[in-house]
Amino acid sequence: MLVAFISGQTIDANLLSAMSDADSTDLIRINIFMGNQLDHHSVRSTTANMTKIEKRSYVISEMKTLAENTQQNVLDFLDGNRAIDKVENIHPFSVST
């Protein structure tokens, strides 16, 4: 089911092999890397006249906003599958202040 959800994205050959070798009840550890990134040129021009502390605060805020806007569908999908014991141990990584 996870493969269907992320169709069109690159799936590592090792993961595909592990999935084909696994029983239907086996859990496989994976890391999902999101393709969305901050526009570095925009960040650089926006923060050009800021102090180091202001830049840090701005960048952290922008990264958190990007994560909230782009990762929620994946987290919702994983949470839904956790409820039916197909997923466990979800650990989203985030920027901390």
N, C-alpha and C. Protein backbone atom coordinates (compact mmCIF):
# COMPACT_ATOMS: atom_id res chain seq x y z
N MET A 1 0.82 -1.20 0.00
CA MET A 1 0.00 0.00 0.00
C MET A 1 0.86 1.26 0.00
N LEU A 2 1.95 1.25 0.72
CA LEU A 2 2.83 2.42 0.76
C LEU A 2 3.37 2.73 -0.63
N VAL A 3 3.67 1.71 -1.41
CA VAL A 3 4.19 1.91 -2.75
C VAL A 3 3.16 2.66 -3.60
N ALA A 4 1.89 2.31 -3.45
CA ALA A 4 0.84 2.99 -4.20
C ALA A 4 0.76 4.46 -3.81
N PHE A 5 0.95 4.73 -2.54
CA PHE A 5 0.86 6.10 -2.05
C PHE A 5 1.97 6.98 -2.61
N ILE A 6 3.15 6.43 -2.76
CA ILE A 6 4.27 7.24 -3.22
C ILE A 6 4.63 6.95 -4.67
N SER A 7 3.69 6.40 -5.43
CA SER A 7 3.98 6.08 -6.82
C SER A 7 4.47 7.31 -7.55
N GLY A 8 5.39 7.09 -8.45
CA GLY A 8 5.98 8.20 -9.18
C GLY A 8 7.24 8.71 -8.51
N GLN A 9 7.52 8.29 -7.31
CA GLN A 9 8.72 8.69 -6.60
C GLN A 9 9.75 7.58 -6.70
N THR A 10 10.99 7.91 -6.41
CA THR A 10 12.06 6.93 -6.46
C THR A 10 12.02 6.05 -5.21
N ILE A 11 12.03 4.76 -5.43
CA ILE A 11 12.11 3.81 -4.33
C ILE A 11 13.42 3.05 -4.49
N ASP A 12 14.22 3.08 -3.46
CA ASP A 12 15.53 2.45 -3.47
C ASP A 12 15.41 0.96 -3.80
N ALA A 13 16.36 0.44 -4.58
CA ALA A 13 16.35 -0.97 -4.96
C ALA A 13 16.41 -1.89 -3.74
N ASN A 14 17.15 -1.48 -2.69
CA ASN A 14 17.21 -2.29 -1.48
C ASN A 14 15.86 -2.39 -0.80
N LEU A 15 15.10 -1.30 -0.81
CA LEU A 15 13.76 -1.32 -0.22
C LEU A 15 12.84 -2.22 -1.04
N LEU A 16 12.90 -2.12 -2.35
CA LEU A 16 12.07 -2.98 -3.19
C LEU A 16 12.38 -4.45 -2.94
N SER A 17 13.65 -4.77 -2.78
CA SER A 17 14.06 -6.14 -2.50
C SER A 17 13.53 -6.59 -1.14
N ALA A 18 13.68 -5.75 -0.12
CA ALA A 18 13.19 -6.08 1.22
C ALA A 18 11.68 -6.28 1.20
N MET A 19 10.98 -5.45 0.44
CA MET A 19 9.52 -5.57 0.36
C MET A 19 9.11 -6.88 -0.31
N SER A 20 9.83 -7.28 -1.35
CA SER A 20 9.46 -8.51 -2.05
C SER A 20 9.81 -9.74 -1.21
N ASP A 21 10.83 -9.64 -0.36
CA ASP A 21 11.23 -10.77 0.49
C ASP A 21 10.42 -10.86 1.78
N ALA A 22 9.71 -9.82 2.14
CA ALA A 22 9.01 -9.76 3.43
C ALA A 22 7.68 -10.50 3.39
N ASP A 23 7.32 -11.03 4.54
CA ASP A 23 5.98 -11.59 4.71
C ASP A 23 5.00 -10.43 4.86
N SER A 24 3.73 -10.70 4.69
CA SER A 24 2.73 -9.63 4.75
C SER A 24 2.64 -8.99 6.13
N THR A 25 3.12 -9.66 7.17
CA THR A 25 3.06 -9.10 8.52
C THR A 25 4.38 -8.47 8.96
N ASP A 26 5.43 -8.59 8.13
CA ASP A 26 6.73 -8.00 8.48
C ASP A 26 6.68 -6.49 8.37
N LEU A 27 7.39 -5.84 9.27
CA LEU A 27 7.56 -4.39 9.20
C LEU A 27 8.97 -4.10 8.69
N ILE A 28 9.09 -3.09 7.84
CA ILE A 28 10.37 -2.73 7.24
C ILE A 28 10.68 -1.29 7.63
N ARG A 29 11.87 -1.06 8.16
CA ARG A 29 12.28 0.30 8.53
C ARG A 29 12.58 1.09 7.26
N ILE A 30 11.97 2.28 7.16
CA ILE A 30 12.24 3.15 6.01
C ILE A 30 12.41 4.58 6.47
N ASN A 31 13.08 5.36 5.66
CA ASN A 31 13.17 6.81 5.82
C ASN A 31 12.58 7.43 4.58
N ILE A 32 11.74 8.41 4.76
CA ILE A 32 11.13 9.12 3.63
C ILE A 32 11.76 10.50 3.56
N PHE A 33 12.36 10.81 2.44
CA PHE A 33 12.97 12.12 2.23
C PHE A 33 12.07 12.92 1.30
N MET A 34 11.63 14.06 1.78
CA MET A 34 10.75 14.91 1.00
C MET A 34 11.58 15.74 0.03
N GLY A 35 11.06 15.95 -1.15
CA GLY A 35 11.79 16.69 -2.18
C GLY A 35 11.71 18.20 -2.03
N ASN A 36 10.73 18.69 -1.32
CA ASN A 36 10.56 20.14 -1.19
C ASN A 36 11.65 20.73 -0.31
N GLN A 37 12.21 21.82 -0.76
CA GLN A 37 13.27 22.51 -0.04
C GLN A 37 12.99 24.01 -0.07
N LEU A 38 13.59 24.72 0.86
CA LEU A 38 13.50 26.17 0.82
C LEU A 38 14.26 26.70 -0.39
N ASP A 39 13.79 27.79 -0.94
CA ASP A 39 14.50 28.46 -2.03
C ASP A 39 15.65 29.26 -1.42
N HIS A 40 16.86 28.74 -1.56
CA HIS A 40 18.02 29.35 -0.91
C HIS A 40 18.28 30.78 -1.38
N HIS A 41 18.01 31.04 -2.65
CA HIS A 41 18.23 32.40 -3.16
C HIS A 41 17.26 33.39 -2.51
N SER A 42 16.02 32.97 -2.37
CA SER A 42 15.01 33.81 -1.72
C SER A 42 15.36 34.06 -0.26
N VAL A 43 15.77 32.99 0.43
CA VAL A 43 16.14 33.12 1.85
C VAL A 43 17.33 34.07 1.98
N ARG A 44 18.32 33.90 1.12
CA ARG A 44 19.51 34.74 1.18
C ARG A 44 19.17 36.22 0.97
N SER A 45 18.32 36.51 -0.02
CA SER A 45 17.98 37.91 -0.27
C SER A 45 17.09 38.48 0.85
N THR A 46 16.18 37.64 1.39
CA THR A 46 15.30 38.10 2.47
C THR A 46 16.08 38.39 3.74
N THR A 47 17.10 37.61 4.01
CA THR A 47 17.83 37.73 5.27
C THR A 47 19.12 38.55 5.16
N ALA A 48 19.34 39.16 4.02
CA ALA A 48 20.61 39.86 3.78
C ALA A 48 20.95 40.91 4.84
N ASN A 49 19.96 41.61 5.33
CA ASN A 49 20.21 42.69 6.29
C ASN A 49 19.84 42.31 7.73
N MET A 50 19.69 41.03 7.98
CA MET A 50 19.32 40.57 9.32
C MET A 50 20.57 40.20 10.12
N THR A 51 20.41 40.26 11.44
CA THR A 51 21.49 39.78 12.30
C THR A 51 21.51 38.25 12.23
N LYS A 52 22.54 37.65 12.77
CA LYS A 52 22.65 36.20 12.77
C LYS A 52 21.48 35.55 13.50
N ILE A 53 21.09 36.11 14.62
CA ILE A 53 19.96 35.58 15.41
C ILE A 53 18.66 35.72 14.63
N GLU A 54 18.45 36.85 13.97
CA GLU A 54 17.24 37.05 13.17
C GLU A 54 17.20 36.07 11.99
N LYS A 55 18.34 35.85 11.35
CA LYS A 55 18.40 34.91 10.23
C LYS A 55 18.02 33.51 10.70
N ARG A 56 18.60 33.12 11.83
CA ARG A 56 18.32 31.78 12.36
C ARG A 56 16.83 31.62 12.64
N SER A 57 16.24 32.59 13.29
CA SER A 57 14.83 32.54 13.62
C SER A 57 13.97 32.48 12.35
N TYR A 58 14.31 33.29 11.36
CA TYR A 58 13.57 33.32 10.10
C TYR A 58 13.66 31.97 9.39
N VAL A 59 14.87 31.43 9.28
CA VAL A 59 15.06 30.16 8.56
C VAL A 59 14.32 29.02 9.26
N ILE A 60 14.41 28.95 10.58
CA ILE A 60 13.71 27.90 11.33
C ILE A 60 12.20 28.02 11.11
N SER A 61 11.69 29.23 11.17
CA SER A 61 10.26 29.45 10.96
C SER A 61 9.83 29.01 9.55
N GLU A 62 10.62 29.38 8.55
CA GLU A 62 10.29 29.00 7.17
C GLU A 62 10.37 27.49 6.96
N MET A 63 11.35 26.85 7.58
CA MET A 63 11.48 25.40 7.45
C MET A 63 10.32 24.68 8.12
N LYS A 64 9.89 25.17 9.28
CA LYS A 64 8.75 24.56 9.96
C LYS A 64 7.48 24.73 9.13
N THR A 65 7.29 25.90 8.56
CA THR A 65 6.12 26.15 7.73
C THR A 65 6.13 25.24 6.51
N LEU A 66 7.27 25.11 5.86
CA LEU A 66 7.38 24.23 4.70
C LEU A 66 7.05 22.79 5.09
N ALA A 67 7.59 22.33 6.20
CA ALA A 67 7.32 20.96 6.66
C ALA A 67 5.83 20.76 6.94
N GLU A 68 5.22 21.70 7.62
CA GLU A 68 3.79 21.59 7.93
C GLU A 68 2.95 21.54 6.66
N ASN A 69 3.35 22.32 5.65
CA ASN A 69 2.57 22.39 4.41
C ASN A 69 2.81 21.23 3.46
N THR A 70 3.93 20.54 3.58
CA THR A 70 4.26 19.51 2.61
C THR A 70 4.24 18.08 3.17
N GLN A 71 4.29 17.91 4.47
CA GLN A 71 4.41 16.58 5.04
C GLN A 71 3.12 16.04 5.65
N GLN A 72 2.11 16.86 5.78
CA GLN A 72 0.91 16.44 6.49
C GLN A 72 0.22 15.25 5.84
N ASN A 73 0.14 15.21 4.51
CA ASN A 73 -0.53 14.08 3.84
C ASN A 73 0.19 12.77 4.12
N VAL A 74 1.53 12.79 4.12
CA VAL A 74 2.29 11.58 4.41
C VAL A 74 2.07 11.15 5.86
N LEU A 75 2.13 12.11 6.78
CA LEU A 75 1.91 11.78 8.20
C LEU A 75 0.50 11.25 8.45
N ASP A 76 -0.49 11.84 7.78
CA ASP A 76 -1.87 11.35 7.91
C ASP A 76 -1.99 9.92 7.41
N PHE A 77 -1.37 9.65 6.26
CA PHE A 77 -1.38 8.30 5.69
C PHE A 77 -0.75 7.30 6.65
N LEU A 78 0.42 7.66 7.19
CA LEU A 78 1.12 6.76 8.11
C LEU A 78 0.32 6.56 9.40
N ASP A 79 -0.26 7.64 9.92
CA ASP A 79 -1.07 7.52 11.13
C ASP A 79 -2.28 6.61 10.90
N GLY A 80 -2.91 6.74 9.74
CA GLY A 80 -4.03 5.88 9.41
C GLY A 80 -3.64 4.42 9.36
N ASN A 81 -2.46 4.14 8.83
CA ASN A 81 -1.98 2.77 8.76
C ASN A 81 -1.46 2.27 10.09
N ARG A 82 -1.05 3.18 10.95
CA ARG A 82 -0.66 2.78 12.31
C ARG A 82 -1.90 2.27 13.06
N ALA A 83 -3.03 2.89 12.80
CA ALA A 83 -4.28 2.50 13.48
C ALA A 83 -4.70 1.08 13.13
N ILE A 84 -4.26 0.57 11.98
CA ILE A 84 -4.62 -0.80 11.58
C ILE A 84 -3.39 -1.72 11.62
N ASP A 85 -2.39 -1.31 12.41
CA ASP A 85 -1.19 -2.12 12.68
C ASP A 85 -0.35 -2.44 11.45
N LYS A 86 -0.38 -1.56 10.46
CA LYS A 86 0.49 -1.75 9.29
C LYS A 86 1.73 -0.88 9.38
N VAL A 87 1.72 0.06 10.31
CA VAL A 87 2.82 0.99 10.51
C VAL A 87 3.01 1.15 12.01
N GLU A 88 4.27 1.26 12.44
CA GLU A 88 4.54 1.59 13.84
C GLU A 88 5.81 2.42 13.90
N ASN A 89 6.01 3.05 15.03
CA ASN A 89 7.22 3.83 15.29
C ASN A 89 7.47 4.93 14.26
N ILE A 90 6.52 5.82 14.14
CA ILE A 90 6.68 6.97 13.26
C ILE A 90 7.46 8.04 14.02
N HIS A 91 8.56 8.49 13.45
CA HIS A 91 9.40 9.50 14.08
C HIS A 91 9.70 10.63 13.10
N PRO A 92 8.79 11.61 12.99
CA PRO A 92 9.09 12.73 12.09
C PRO A 92 10.25 13.54 12.63
N PHE A 93 11.14 13.91 11.75
CA PHE A 93 12.25 14.76 12.12
C PHE A 93 11.87 16.19 11.81
N SER A 94 12.19 17.10 12.72
CA SER A 94 11.84 18.49 12.48
C SER A 94 12.94 19.39 13.01
N VAL A 95 12.88 20.61 12.59
CA VAL A 95 13.82 21.61 13.06
C VAL A 95 13.36 22.07 14.43
N SER A 96 14.28 22.13 15.38
CA SER A 96 13.91 22.61 16.71
C SER A 96 14.54 23.97 16.96
N THR A 97 13.92 24.71 17.82
CA THR A 97 14.44 26.06 18.10
C THR A 97 15.47 26.01 19.18
